[in-house]
Amino acid sequence: MKNRTMTAAVFERAGTLAIKEVPIPQIKNPDEVLIRVEAVSLCGTDVRGLADPPEFLFREGVVIGHECCGTVEEVGSSVTTFKAGDRVVVHPNQWCGKCYYCKTGQINLCENFLHVGDSRDGAMADYLCVPEKLVYSISKDVVPYVACLAEPLACVLNATKSFRIHPGENAVVLGAGPIGMIFVMLYKAAGATVIISDVSEKRRQAAMDIGADYAIDPATQDLESEVKKVMSRGADIVVDAVGMLMGDAVKLAQKGGHVIIFGINTRANATVAPAPVVINEVNIHGRFITKGTMPLAVQIIEKKLIPIEKLITHRLPIQDTAKGIELMRSGEGVKVIIEIAK
């Protein structure tokens, strides 16, 4: 495929995405895997990176996209776990393996990340080339537009595996975007009672359709009092899936409860009174992307343990990538899948 081109969605500059022909990536290192991409899920990172001004830094000229599924096309000489024809998904954060955090097993905190889809060429194209360590097998029985959701699921699992919930316990999820809804699915699968809070009626209903027990509109209802009607002591776990609701989350946690800050909003400034945190021994935790949870995400999807396919609201061709970004920005799209034509 040397000197041939492929169709790709390319970040050109702030607010500008172009569908253009670019060279097909080539295997340059013995540990690399060339993947023929089949489906890519748009992420909130893509939406923020393509804002003007951008809320997330993308390298100019980079091919976007990181939540993907595809088939192995070719492998480097040292690759031992994959062969041409294998169906795979990708961990999009290439850790260095050399810094302090990598050497202590905290690969999600690597000081030298190369992020697929923003600092190095991503998956919104016909082909993607990445190191073998970032590639995971997934059954061919899983359709590509569902398989590509393994990566966001793996990210949420980094939080739910750290702070487990049990049947009969309570959780509140603030924000019914894709990540918030995955939290709902996992907590319901664990047997918990789950409240979702979101200002969007459409997203509240979507969360109820995937298993949430109660839905609250924080714009018209008093969030704390409504939660306490269901969970008199507060929740065992409260998730801020928006990244700007820490203050609310602390108020909703029961004594000794856990608050998980998962959403990222670099412009948000939260005000939290420290006294209730201390007096009530509320535990506040930040969790960032995936860390060793891709294999479990694949198993959950293969075994159909949660209805993750219900997140998908739109399936579009690569030529409509910009439309997909706008669908997500407006809130009309929950998970927008770009299917790469073959």
C-alpha atoms as a PDB file:
ATOM      1  CA  MET A   1       0.000   0.000   0.000  1.00  0.00           C
ATOM      2  CA  LYS A   2       3.039   2.222  -0.246  1.00  0.00           C
ATOM      3  CA  ASN A   3       2.352   5.633  -1.810  1.00  0.00           C
ATOM      4  CA  ARG A   4      -1.415   5.018  -1.738  1.00  0.00           C
ATOM      5  CA  THR A   5      -3.852   7.362  -0.009  1.00  0.00           C
ATOM      6  CA  MET A   6      -6.909   6.994   2.197  1.00  0.00           C
ATOM      7  CA  THR A   7      -9.848   9.133   3.221  1.00  0.00           C
ATOM      8  CA  ALA A   8      -9.432  10.720   6.645  1.00  0.00           C
ATOM      9  CA  ALA A   9     -11.031  13.310   8.928  1.00  0.00           C
ATOM     10  CA  VAL A  10      -8.256  15.801   9.668  1.00  0.00           C
ATOM     11  CA  PHE A  11      -8.073  18.573  12.264  1.00  0.00           C
ATOM     12  CA  GLU A  12      -6.728  21.558  10.332  1.00  0.00           C
ATOM     13  CA  ARG A  13      -7.034  24.395  12.851  1.00  0.00           C
ATOM     14  CA  ALA A  14      -9.366  25.624  15.582  1.00  0.00           C
ATOM     15  CA  GLY A  15     -12.937  24.792  14.607  1.00  0.00           C
ATOM     16  CA  THR A  16     -11.982  23.364  11.224  1.00  0.00           C
ATOM     17  CA  LEU A  17     -12.283  19.710  10.226  1.00  0.00           C
ATOM     18  CA  ALA A  18     -11.526  18.537   6.691  1.00  0.00           C
ATOM     19  CA  ILE A  19     -12.278  15.267   4.929  1.00  0.00           C
ATOM     20  CA  LYS A  20      -9.283  14.705   2.691  1.00  0.00           C
ATOM     21  CA  GLU A  21      -6.920  12.188   1.163  1.00  0.00           C
ATOM     22  CA  VAL A  22      -3.786  11.449   3.191  1.00  0.00           C
ATOM     23  CA  PRO A  23      -1.083   8.784   2.855  1.00  0.00           C
ATOM     24  CA  ILE A  24      -1.910   5.346   4.252  1.00  0.00           C
ATOM     25  CA  PRO A  25       0.251   4.757   7.346  1.00  0.00           C
ATOM     26  CA  GLN A  26       3.058   2.253   6.994  1.00  0.00           C
ATOM     27  CA  ILE A  27       4.524  -0.159   9.533  1.00  0.00           C
ATOM     28  CA  LYS A  28       7.869   1.381  10.473  1.00  0.00           C
ATOM     29  CA  ASN A  29       8.645  -0.464  13.706  1.00  0.00           C
ATOM     30  CA  PRO A  30       8.625  -4.250  14.262  1.00  0.00           C
ATOM     31  CA  ASP A  31       6.015  -4.018  17.047  1.00  0.00           C
ATOM     32  CA  GLU A  32       3.378  -2.165  15.009  1.00  0.00           C
ATOM     33  CA  VAL A  33      -0.020  -3.350  13.789  1.00  0.00           C
ATOM     34  CA  LEU A  34      -1.778  -1.887  10.741  1.00  0.00           C
ATOM     35  CA  ILE A  35      -5.552  -1.950  11.213  1.00  0.00           C
ATOM     36  CA  ARG A  36      -8.234  -1.520   8.574  1.00  0.00           C
ATOM     37  CA  VAL A  37     -10.739   0.641  10.461  1.00  0.00           C
ATOM     38  CA  GLU A  38     -14.420  -0.305  10.390  1.00  0.00           C
ATOM     39  CA  ALA A  39     -16.104   2.005  12.897  1.00  0.00           C
ATOM     40  CA  VAL A  40     -15.152   4.954  15.109  1.00  0.00           C
ATOM     41  CA  SER A  41     -17.203   6.430  17.930  1.00  0.00           C
ATOM     42  CA  LEU A  42     -17.064  10.195  18.387  1.00  0.00           C
ATOM     43  CA  CYS A  43     -16.037  11.297  21.875  1.00  0.00           C
ATOM     44  CA  GLY A  44     -16.550  14.447  23.910  1.00  0.00           C
ATOM     45  CA  THR A  45     -12.824  15.021  23.455  1.00  0.00           C
ATOM     46  CA  ASP A  46     -13.405  15.369  19.712  1.00  0.00           C
ATOM     47  CA  VAL A  47     -16.195  17.873  20.343  1.00  0.00           C
ATOM     48  CA  ARG A  48     -14.029  19.971  22.694  1.00  0.00           C
ATOM     49  CA  GLY A  49     -10.986  19.794  20.427  1.00  0.00           C
ATOM     50  CA  LEU A  50     -12.980  21.063  17.480  1.00  0.00           C
ATOM     51  CA  ALA A  51     -14.513  23.968  19.376  1.00  0.00           C
ATOM     52  CA  ASP A  52     -13.362  27.492  18.532  1.00  0.00           C
ATOM     53  CA  PRO A  53     -11.523  28.380  20.671  1.00  0.00           C
ATOM     54  CA  PRO A  54     -10.550  24.751  21.377  1.00  0.00           C
ATOM     55  CA  GLU A  55     -11.145  23.313  24.833  1.00  0.00           C
ATOM     56  CA  PHE A  56      -8.718  20.442  24.199  1.00  0.00           C
ATOM     57  CA  LEU A  57      -5.466  20.672  22.254  1.00  0.00           C
ATOM     58  CA  PHE A  58      -5.182  18.843  18.941  1.00  0.00           C
ATOM     59  CA  ARG A  59      -2.065  18.921  16.778  1.00  0.00           C
ATOM     60  CA  GLU A  60      -2.769  20.683  13.481  1.00  0.00           C
ATOM     61  CA  GLY A  61      -2.953  18.177  10.642  1.00  0.00           C
ATOM     62  CA  VAL A  62      -3.704  15.201  12.898  1.00  0.00           C
ATOM     63  CA  VAL A  63      -6.229  12.535  11.913  1.00  0.00           C
ATOM     64  CA  ILE A  64      -8.851  12.541  14.691  1.00  0.00           C
ATOM     65  CA  GLY A  65     -10.676   9.607  16.308  1.00  0.00           C
ATOM     66  CA  HIS A  66      -9.690   7.150  19.021  1.00  0.00           C
ATOM     67  CA  GLU A  67     -12.657   4.923  19.962  1.00  0.00           C
ATOM     68  CA  CYS A  68     -12.393   2.354  17.201  1.00  0.00           C
ATOM     69  CA  CYS A  69     -12.812  -1.163  15.897  1.00  0.00           C
ATOM     70  CA  GLY A  70     -11.217  -2.766  12.883  1.00  0.00           C
ATOM     71  CA  THR A  71      -9.505  -5.749  11.302  1.00  0.00           C
ATOM     72  CA  VAL A  72      -5.775  -6.383  11.317  1.00  0.00           C
ATOM     73  CA  GLU A  73      -4.337  -5.826   7.850  1.00  0.00           C
ATOM     74  CA  GLU A  74      -0.626  -6.358   8.489  1.00  0.00           C
ATOM     75  CA  VAL A  75       1.742  -6.850  11.429  1.00  0.00           C
ATOM     76  CA  GLY A  76       5.359  -6.003  12.148  1.00  0.00           C
ATOM     77  CA  SER A  77       8.056  -8.647  12.388  1.00  0.00           C
ATOM     78  CA  SER A  78       8.017  -8.845  16.206  1.00  0.00           C
ATOM     79  CA  VAL A  79       4.225  -8.972  16.638  1.00  0.00           C
ATOM     80  CA  THR A  80       3.208 -12.324  18.120  1.00  0.00           C
ATOM     81  CA  THR A  81      -0.381 -11.935  19.354  1.00  0.00           C
ATOM     82  CA  PHE A  82      -2.150 -10.829  16.174  1.00  0.00           C
ATOM     83  CA  LYS A  83      -2.357 -11.822  12.546  1.00  0.00           C
ATOM     84  CA  ALA A  84      -4.067 -10.480   9.450  1.00  0.00           C
ATOM     85  CA  GLY A  85      -7.831 -10.899   9.670  1.00  0.00           C
ATOM     86  CA  ASP A  86      -8.150 -10.577  13.449  1.00  0.00           C
ATOM     87  CA  ARG A  87     -10.941  -8.289  14.714  1.00  0.00           C
ATOM     88  CA  VAL A  88      -9.540  -5.788  17.219  1.00  0.00           C
ATOM     89  CA  VAL A  89     -10.183  -2.689  19.316  1.00  0.00           C
ATOM     90  CA  VAL A  90      -7.597  -0.141  20.423  1.00  0.00           C
ATOM     91  CA  HIS A  91      -6.394   1.429  23.662  1.00  0.00           C
ATOM     92  CA  PRO A  92      -5.710   4.972  22.390  1.00  0.00           C
ATOM     93  CA  ASN A  93      -3.218   6.207  24.985  1.00  0.00           C
ATOM     94  CA  GLN A  94       0.349   5.182  24.226  1.00  0.00           C
ATOM     95  CA  TRP A  95       2.290   5.167  27.492  1.00  0.00           C
ATOM     96  CA  CYS A  96       6.081   5.463  27.508  1.00  0.00           C
ATOM     97  CA  GLY A  97       6.920   2.689  29.982  1.00  0.00           C
ATOM     98  CA  LYS A  98       9.886   4.694  31.272  1.00  0.00           C
ATOM     99  CA  CYS A  99       8.571   7.466  33.525  1.00  0.00           C
ATOM    100  CA  TYR A 100       7.941   7.128  37.267  1.00  0.00           C
ATOM    101  CA  TYR A 101       4.202   6.582  36.842  1.00  0.00           C
ATOM    102  CA  CYS A 102       4.565   3.889  34.187  1.00  0.00           C
ATOM    103  CA  LYS A 103       7.137   2.063  36.297  1.00  0.00           C
ATOM    104  CA  THR A 104       4.751   2.082  39.266  1.00  0.00           C
ATOM    105  CA  GLY A 105       1.907   0.626  37.208  1.00  0.00           C
ATOM    106  CA  GLN A 106       0.010   3.893  36.758  1.00  0.00           C
ATOM    107  CA  ILE A 107       0.109   3.914  32.968  1.00  0.00           C
ATOM    108  CA  ASN A 108      -2.919   6.212  32.764  1.00  0.00           C
ATOM    109  CA  LEU A 109      -0.830   8.915  34.452  1.00  0.00           C
ATOM    110  CA  CYS A 110       2.151   8.596  32.080  1.00  0.00           C
ATOM    111  CA  GLU A 111       4.138  11.818  31.789  1.00  0.00           C
ATOM    112  CA  ASN A 112       4.864  11.254  28.084  1.00  0.00           C
ATOM    113  CA  PHE A 113       1.550  10.135  26.604  1.00  0.00           C
ATOM    114  CA  LEU A 114       1.043  10.023  22.858  1.00  0.00           C
ATOM    115  CA  HIS A 115      -2.718  10.220  22.451  1.00  0.00           C
ATOM    116  CA  VAL A 116      -4.165   8.552  19.367  1.00  0.00           C
ATOM    117  CA  GLY A 117      -6.395  11.043  17.575  1.00  0.00           C
ATOM    118  CA  ASP A 118      -4.964  14.290  18.920  1.00  0.00           C
ATOM    119  CA  SER A 119      -1.161  14.135  19.287  1.00  0.00           C
ATOM    120  CA  ARG A 120      -0.653  11.270  16.825  1.00  0.00           C
ATOM    121  CA  ASP A 121      -2.793  10.213  13.858  1.00  0.00           C
ATOM    122  CA  GLY A 122      -6.004   8.527  14.879  1.00  0.00           C
ATOM    123  CA  ALA A 123      -8.669   6.176  13.609  1.00  0.00           C
ATOM    124  CA  MET A 124     -11.049   8.410  11.642  1.00  0.00           C
ATOM    125  CA  ALA A 125      -9.658   7.035   8.396  1.00  0.00           C
ATOM    126  CA  ASP A 126      -9.400   3.831   6.403  1.00  0.00           C
ATOM    127  CA  TYR A 127      -6.301   2.675   8.290  1.00  0.00           C
ATOM    128  CA  LEU A 128      -4.636   3.115  11.686  1.00  0.00           C
ATOM    129  CA  CYS A 129      -1.135   2.012  12.706  1.00  0.00           C
ATOM    130  CA  VAL A 130      -0.365   1.533  16.430  1.00  0.00           C
ATOM    131  CA  PRO A 131       1.966  -0.530  18.647  1.00  0.00           C
ATOM    132  CA  GLU A 132       0.890  -4.087  19.474  1.00  0.00           C
ATOM    133  CA  LYS A 133       0.546  -3.246  23.182  1.00  0.00           C
ATOM    134  CA  LEU A 134      -2.409  -0.975  22.372  1.00  0.00           C
ATOM    135  CA  VAL A 135      -4.373  -3.645  20.487  1.00  0.00           C
ATOM    136  CA  TYR A 136      -6.958  -6.078  21.930  1.00  0.00           C
ATOM    137  CA  SER A 137      -8.869  -8.895  20.258  1.00  0.00           C
ATOM    138  CA  ILE A 138     -12.663  -8.829  20.122  1.00  0.00           C
ATOM    139  CA  SER A 139     -15.047 -11.389  18.685  1.00  0.00           C
ATOM    140  CA  LYS A 140     -16.163 -11.030  15.093  1.00  0.00           C
ATOM    141  CA  ASP A 141     -19.671 -11.729  16.383  1.00  0.00           C
ATOM    142  CA  VAL A 142     -19.745  -8.185  17.786  1.00  0.00           C
ATOM    143  CA  VAL A 143     -20.788  -5.695  15.118  1.00  0.00           C
ATOM    144  CA  PRO A 144     -18.162  -2.957  14.558  1.00  0.00           C
ATOM    145  CA  TYR A 145     -20.425  -0.071  15.574  1.00  0.00           C
ATOM    146  CA  VAL A 146     -20.820  -1.675  19.003  1.00  0.00           C
ATOM    147  CA  ALA A 147     -17.264  -3.010  19.339  1.00  0.00           C
ATOM    148  CA  CYS A 148     -15.837   0.506  19.068  1.00  0.00           C
ATOM    149  CA  LEU A 149     -17.525   1.344  22.393  1.00  0.00           C
ATOM    150  CA  ALA A 150     -15.042  -0.863  24.271  1.00  0.00           C
ATOM    151  CA  GLU A 151     -12.713   2.063  24.974  1.00  0.00           C
ATOM    152  CA  PRO A 152     -15.204   4.411  26.724  1.00  0.00           C
ATOM    153  CA  LEU A 153     -16.516   1.409  28.652  1.00  0.00           C
ATOM    154  CA  ALA A 154     -12.957   0.582  29.730  1.00  0.00           C
ATOM    155  CA  CYS A 155     -12.507   4.146  30.983  1.00  0.00           C
ATOM    156  CA  VAL A 156     -15.600   3.945  33.192  1.00  0.00           C
ATOM    157  CA  LEU A 157     -14.491   0.543  34.474  1.00  0.00           C
ATOM    158  CA  ASN A 158     -11.346   2.211  35.826  1.00  0.00           C
ATOM    159  CA  ALA A 159     -13.670   3.972  38.256  1.00  0.00           C
ATOM    160  CA  THR A 160     -16.188   1.228  38.984  1.00  0.00           C
ATOM    161  CA  LYS A 161     -13.484  -1.369  39.671  1.00  0.00           C
ATOM    162  CA  SER A 162     -11.811   1.010  42.113  1.00  0.00           C
ATOM    163  CA  PHE A 163     -15.004   1.725  44.061  1.00  0.00           C
ATOM    164  CA  ARG A 164     -17.374  -1.193  43.764  1.00  0.00           C
ATOM    165  CA  ILE A 165     -21.073  -1.081  44.447  1.00  0.00           C
ATOM    166  CA  HIS A 166     -23.193  -3.988  45.678  1.00  0.00           C
ATOM    167  CA  PRO A 167     -26.803  -5.095  45.326  1.00  0.00           C
ATOM    168  CA  GLY A 168     -29.021  -2.930  47.482  1.00  0.00           C
ATOM    169  CA  GLU A 169     -26.643   0.043  47.561  1.00  0.00           C
ATOM    170  CA  ASN A 170     -27.351   3.454  46.029  1.00  0.00           C
ATOM    171  CA  ALA A 171     -25.698   5.577  43.351  1.00  0.00           C
ATOM    172  CA  VAL A 172     -26.338   9.021  41.905  1.00  0.00           C
ATOM    173  CA  VAL A 173     -24.940   9.904  38.495  1.00  0.00           C
ATOM    174  CA  LEU A 174     -24.735  13.586  37.613  1.00  0.00           C
ATOM    175  CA  GLY A 175     -24.852  13.975  33.852  1.00  0.00           C
ATOM    176  CA  ALA A 176     -26.574  11.701  31.313  1.00  0.00           C
ATOM    177  CA  GLY A 177     -24.026  11.930  28.537  1.00  0.00           C
ATOM    178  CA  PRO A 178     -22.467   8.726  27.168  1.00  0.00           C
ATOM    179  CA  ILE A 179     -20.119   8.317  30.141  1.00  0.00           C
ATOM    180  CA  GLY A 180     -22.848   8.956  32.700  1.00  0.00           C
ATOM    181  CA  MET A 181     -25.071   6.394  30.991  1.00  0.00           C
ATOM    182  CA  ILE A 182     -22.321   3.766  31.056  1.00  0.00           C
ATOM    183  CA  PHE A 183     -22.027   4.350  34.807  1.00  0.00           C
ATOM    184  CA  VAL A 184     -25.794   3.801  35.067  1.00  0.00           C
ATOM    185  CA  MET A 185     -25.576   0.514  33.123  1.00  0.00           C
ATOM    186  CA  LEU A 186     -22.728  -0.847  35.229  1.00  0.00           C
ATOM    187  CA  TYR A 187     -24.318   0.130  38.545  1.00  0.00           C
ATOM    188  CA  LYS A 188     -27.627  -1.418  37.518  1.00  0.00           C
ATOM    189  CA  ALA A 189     -25.825  -4.598  36.440  1.00  0.00           C
ATOM    190  CA  ALA A 190     -24.362  -4.688  39.962  1.00  0.00           C
ATOM    191  CA  GLY A 191     -27.830  -4.491  41.514  1.00  0.00           C
ATOM    192  CA  ALA A 192     -27.767  -0.906  42.783  1.00  0.00           C
ATOM    193  CA  THR A 193     -30.560   1.665  42.866  1.00  0.00           C
ATOM    194  CA  VAL A 194     -29.532   4.489  40.522  1.00  0.00           C
ATOM    195  CA  ILE A 195     -30.665   8.094  40.202  1.00  0.00           C
ATOM    196  CA  ILE A 196     -29.689  10.075  37.096  1.00  0.00           C
ATOM    197  CA  SER A 197     -29.627  13.884  37.039  1.00  0.00           C
ATOM    198  CA  ASP A 198     -29.544  15.897  33.817  1.00  0.00           C
ATOM    199  CA  VAL A 199     -31.133  19.091  32.477  1.00  0.00           C
ATOM    200  CA  SER A 200     -32.053  17.411  29.187  1.00  0.00           C
ATOM    201  CA  GLU A 201     -35.426  15.679  29.169  1.00  0.00           C
ATOM    202  CA  LYS A 202     -34.341  13.586  26.197  1.00  0.00           C
ATOM    203  CA  ARG A 203     -31.233  12.335  27.979  1.00  0.00           C
ATOM    204  CA  ARG A 204     -33.084  11.712  31.227  1.00  0.00           C
ATOM    205  CA  GLN A 205     -35.530   9.526  29.338  1.00  0.00           C
ATOM    206  CA  ALA A 206     -32.676   7.733  27.575  1.00  0.00           C
ATOM    207  CA  ALA A 207     -31.097   7.008  30.961  1.00  0.00           C
ATOM    208  CA  MET A 208     -34.393   5.615  32.245  1.00  0.00           C
ATOM    209  CA  ASP A 209     -34.635   3.422  29.148  1.00  0.00           C
ATOM    210  CA  ILE A 210     -31.263   1.837  29.946  1.00  0.00           C
ATOM    211  CA  GLY A 211     -32.141   1.108  33.554  1.00  0.00           C
ATOM    212  CA  ALA A 212     -31.980   4.195  35.794  1.00  0.00           C
ATOM    213  CA  ASP A 213     -34.562   3.956  38.591  1.00  0.00           C
ATOM    214  CA  TYR A 214     -35.221   7.691  38.995  1.00  0.00           C
ATOM    215  CA  ALA A 215     -34.485  10.811  36.968  1.00  0.00           C
ATOM    216  CA  ILE A 216     -34.150  14.373  38.272  1.00  0.00           C
ATOM    217  CA  ASP A 217     -34.123  17.674  36.388  1.00  0.00           C
ATOM    218  CA  PRO A 218     -31.759  19.875  38.432  1.00  0.00           C
ATOM    219  CA  ALA A 219     -32.961  22.958  36.572  1.00  0.00           C
ATOM    220  CA  THR A 220     -36.517  22.676  37.913  1.00  0.00           C
ATOM    221  CA  GLN A 221     -36.168  20.407  40.952  1.00  0.00           C
ATOM    222  CA  ASP A 222     -34.131  20.690  44.127  1.00  0.00           C
ATOM    223  CA  LEU A 223     -31.501  18.038  43.533  1.00  0.00           C
ATOM    224  CA  GLU A 224     -30.577  17.356  47.165  1.00  0.00           C
ATOM    225  CA  SER A 225     -34.123  17.088  48.464  1.00  0.00           C
ATOM    226  CA  GLU A 226     -35.208  14.883  45.559  1.00  0.00           C
ATOM    227  CA  VAL A 227     -32.294  12.512  46.126  1.00  0.00           C
ATOM    228  CA  LYS A 228     -33.003  12.341  49.869  1.00  0.00           C
ATOM    229  CA  LYS A 229     -36.607  11.316  49.142  1.00  0.00           C
ATOM    230  CA  VAL A 230     -35.221   8.106  47.650  1.00  0.00           C
ATOM    231  CA  MET A 231     -31.952   7.758  49.546  1.00  0.00           C
ATOM    232  CA  SER A 232     -32.588   9.218  52.973  1.00  0.00           C
ATOM    233  CA  ARG A 233     -28.961   9.008  54.108  1.00  0.00           C
ATOM    234  CA  GLY A 234     -27.596   9.988  50.706  1.00  0.00           C
ATOM    235  CA  ALA A 235     -25.841   7.804  48.149  1.00  0.00           C
ATOM    236  CA  ASP A 236     -23.059   5.273  48.649  1.00  0.00           C
ATOM    237  CA  ILE A 237     -21.453   6.576  45.454  1.00  0.00           C
ATOM    238  CA  VAL A 238     -21.992   9.853  43.591  1.00  0.00           C
ATOM    239  CA  VAL A 239     -20.450  10.360  40.153  1.00  0.00           C
ATOM    240  CA  ASP A 240     -19.761  13.758  38.623  1.00  0.00           C
ATOM    241  CA  ALA A 241     -19.775  12.740  34.966  1.00  0.00           C
ATOM    242  CA  VAL A 242     -19.835  16.387  33.872  1.00  0.00           C
ATOM    243  CA  GLY A 243     -16.692  17.668  35.572  1.00  0.00           C
ATOM    244  CA  MET A 244     -18.147  20.749  37.212  1.00  0.00           C
ATOM    245  CA  LEU A 245     -20.520  19.424  39.884  1.00  0.00           C
ATOM    246  CA  MET A 246     -18.210  18.448  42.745  1.00  0.00           C
ATOM    247  CA  GLY A 247     -20.056  20.701  45.181  1.00  0.00           C
ATOM    248  CA  ASP A 248     -23.386  19.028  44.431  1.00  0.00           C
ATOM    249  CA  ALA A 249     -21.815  15.578  44.532  1.00  0.00           C
ATOM    250  CA  VAL A 250     -20.438  16.076  48.047  1.00  0.00           C
ATOM    251  CA  LYS A 251     -23.862  17.153  49.324  1.00  0.00           C
ATOM    252  CA  LEU A 252     -25.470  14.003  47.920  1.00  0.00           C
ATOM    253  CA  ALA A 253     -23.026  11.486  49.399  1.00  0.00           C
ATOM    254  CA  GLN A 254     -23.900   9.696  52.612  1.00  0.00           C
ATOM    255  CA  LYS A 255     -21.516   9.693  55.555  1.00  0.00           C
ATOM    256  CA  GLY A 256     -18.468   7.680  54.546  1.00  0.00           C
ATOM    257  CA  GLY A 257     -19.659   7.716  50.936  1.00  0.00           C
ATOM    258  CA  HIS A 258     -17.566   8.099  47.815  1.00  0.00           C
ATOM    259  CA  VAL A 259     -17.576  10.907  45.249  1.00  0.00           C
ATOM    260  CA  ILE A 260     -16.021  10.075  41.877  1.00  0.00           C
ATOM    261  CA  ILE A 261     -14.982  13.022  39.711  1.00  0.00           C
ATOM    262  CA  PHE A 262     -14.818  11.601  36.202  1.00  0.00           C
ATOM    263  CA  GLY A 263     -15.963  14.283  33.783  1.00  0.00           C
ATOM    264  CA  ILE A 264     -13.306  16.741  32.618  1.00  0.00           C
ATOM    265  CA  ASN A 265     -14.040  20.450  32.275  1.00  0.00           C
ATOM    266  CA  THR A 266     -10.840  22.485  32.350  1.00  0.00           C
ATOM    267  CA  ARG A 267     -12.788  25.735  32.684  1.00  0.00           C
ATOM    268  CA  ALA A 268     -14.821  24.691  35.712  1.00  0.00           C
ATOM    269  CA  ASN A 269     -14.106  25.958  39.218  1.00  0.00           C
ATOM    270  CA  ALA A 270     -15.888  24.046  41.953  1.00  0.00           C
ATOM    271  CA  THR A 271     -16.547  25.429  45.425  1.00  0.00           C
ATOM    272  CA  VAL A 272     -16.621  22.741  48.099  1.00  0.00           C
ATOM    273  CA  ALA A 273     -17.051  23.439  51.805  1.00  0.00           C
ATOM    274  CA  PRO A 274     -14.324  21.382  53.511  1.00  0.00           C
ATOM    275  CA  ALA A 275     -16.078  20.962  56.872  1.00  0.00           C
ATOM    276  CA  PRO A 276     -18.803  18.522  55.657  1.00  0.00           C
ATOM    277  CA  VAL A 277     -16.144  16.507  53.828  1.00  0.00           C
ATOM    278  CA  VAL A 278     -14.253  16.044  57.087  1.00  0.00           C
ATOM    279  CA  ILE A 279     -17.201  15.676  59.454  1.00  0.00           C
ATOM    280  CA  ASN A 280     -18.958  13.172  57.191  1.00  0.00           C
ATOM    281  CA  GLU A 281     -15.751  11.475  56.035  1.00  0.00           C
ATOM    282  CA  VAL A 282     -16.726  11.888  52.385  1.00  0.00           C
ATOM    283  CA  ASN A 283     -14.114  10.360  50.113  1.00  0.00           C
ATOM    284  CA  ILE A 284     -13.396  12.332  46.926  1.00  0.00           C
ATOM    285  CA  HIS A 285     -11.611  10.576  44.073  1.00  0.00           C
ATOM    286  CA  GLY A 286     -10.538  11.539  40.578  1.00  0.00           C
ATOM    287  CA  ARG A 287     -10.390   8.817  37.930  1.00  0.00           C
ATOM    288  CA  PHE A 288      -8.815   9.275  34.499  1.00  0.00           C
ATOM    289  CA  ILE A 289      -9.195   7.108  31.384  1.00  0.00           C
ATOM    290  CA  THR A 290      -8.468   3.387  31.343  1.00  0.00           C
ATOM    291  CA  LYS A 291      -5.882   1.400  33.279  1.00  0.00           C
ATOM    292  CA  GLY A 292      -5.827  -2.318  32.600  1.00  0.00           C
ATOM    293  CA  THR A 293      -9.569  -2.495  31.995  1.00  0.00           C
ATOM    294  CA  MET A 294      -9.757  -3.032  28.220  1.00  0.00           C
ATOM    295  CA  PRO A 295      -9.908  -6.856  28.517  1.00  0.00           C
ATOM    296  CA  LEU A 296     -12.866  -6.623  30.919  1.00  0.00           C
ATOM    297  CA  ALA A 297     -14.618  -4.113  28.647  1.00  0.00           C
ATOM    298  CA  VAL A 298     -14.259  -6.536  25.742  1.00  0.00           C
ATOM    299  CA  GLN A 299     -15.684  -9.397  27.833  1.00  0.00           C
ATOM    300  CA  ILE A 300     -18.678  -7.316  28.939  1.00  0.00           C
ATOM    301  CA  ILE A 301     -19.472  -6.398  25.344  1.00  0.00           C
ATOM    302  CA  GLU A 302     -18.958  -9.921  24.005  1.00  0.00           C
ATOM    303  CA  LYS A 303     -21.231 -11.385  26.698  1.00  0.00           C
ATOM    304  CA  LYS A 304     -23.832  -8.631  26.239  1.00  0.00           C
ATOM    305  CA  LEU A 305     -23.925  -7.948  29.972  1.00  0.00           C
ATOM    306  CA  ILE A 306     -25.066  -4.342  29.556  1.00  0.00           C
ATOM    307  CA  PRO A 307     -27.169  -2.736  26.776  1.00  0.00           C
ATOM    308  CA  ILE A 308     -24.334  -0.498  25.601  1.00  0.00           C
ATOM    309  CA  GLU A 309     -25.691  -0.453  22.047  1.00  0.00           C
ATOM    310  CA  LYS A 310     -28.558   1.738  23.320  1.00  0.00           C
ATOM    311  CA  LEU A 311     -26.110   4.649  23.559  1.00  0.00           C
ATOM    312  CA  ILE A 312     -25.937   4.827  19.772  1.00  0.00           C
ATOM    313  CA  THR A 313     -28.211   7.484  18.307  1.00  0.00           C
ATOM    314  CA  HIS A 314     -26.613   8.009  14.889  1.00  0.00           C
ATOM    315  CA  ARG A 315     -24.499   6.040  12.393  1.00  0.00           C
ATOM    316  CA  LEU A 316     -22.914   8.204   9.718  1.00  0.00           C
ATOM    317  CA  PRO A 317     -20.346   7.921   6.904  1.00  0.00           C
ATOM    318  CA  ILE A 318     -16.953   9.569   7.319  1.00  0.00           C
ATOM    319  CA  GLN A 319     -18.003  12.417   5.011  1.00  0.00           C
ATOM    320  CA  ASP A 320     -20.512  13.454   7.700  1.00  0.00           C
ATOM    321  CA  THR A 321     -18.034  13.547  10.587  1.00  0.00           C
ATOM    322  CA  ALA A 322     -18.531  17.294  11.084  1.00  0.00           C
ATOM    323  CA  LYS A 323     -22.297  16.713  11.225  1.00  0.00           C
ATOM    324  CA  GLY A 324     -21.700  14.067  13.880  1.00  0.00           C
ATOM    325  CA  ILE A 325     -19.678  16.542  15.946  1.00  0.00           C
ATOM    326  CA  GLU A 326     -22.534  19.040  15.793  1.00  0.00           C
ATOM    327  CA  LEU A 327     -25.088  16.387  16.768  1.00  0.00           C
ATOM    328  CA  MET A 328     -23.072  15.677  19.892  1.00  0.00           C
ATOM    329  CA  ARG A 329     -22.443  19.342  20.650  1.00  0.00           C
ATOM    330  CA  SER A 330     -26.179  20.083  20.469  1.00  0.00           C
ATOM    331  CA  GLY A 331     -27.059  17.136  22.712  1.00  0.00           C
ATOM    332  CA  GLU A 332     -29.172  15.504  20.014  1.00  0.00           C
ATOM    333  CA  GLY A 333     -26.562  12.794  19.563  1.00  0.00           C
ATOM    334  CA  VAL A 334     -25.510  10.613  22.481  1.00  0.00           C
ATOM    335  CA  LYS A 335     -23.086   8.269  20.754  1.00  0.00           C
ATOM    336  CA  VAL A 336     -22.462   9.043  17.100  1.00  0.00           C
ATOM    337  CA  ILE A 337     -20.704   6.277  15.177  1.00  0.00           C
ATOM    338  CA  ILE A 338     -18.736   6.956  12.013  1.00  0.00           C
ATOM    339  CA  GLU A 339     -18.714   3.877   9.813  1.00  0.00           C
ATOM    340  CA  ILE A 340     -15.799   3.608   7.439  1.00  0.00           C
ATOM    341  CA  ALA A 341     -16.997   2.384   4.034  1.00  0.00           C
ATOM    342  CA  LYS A 342     -15.095  -0.483   2.417  1.00  0.00           C
END
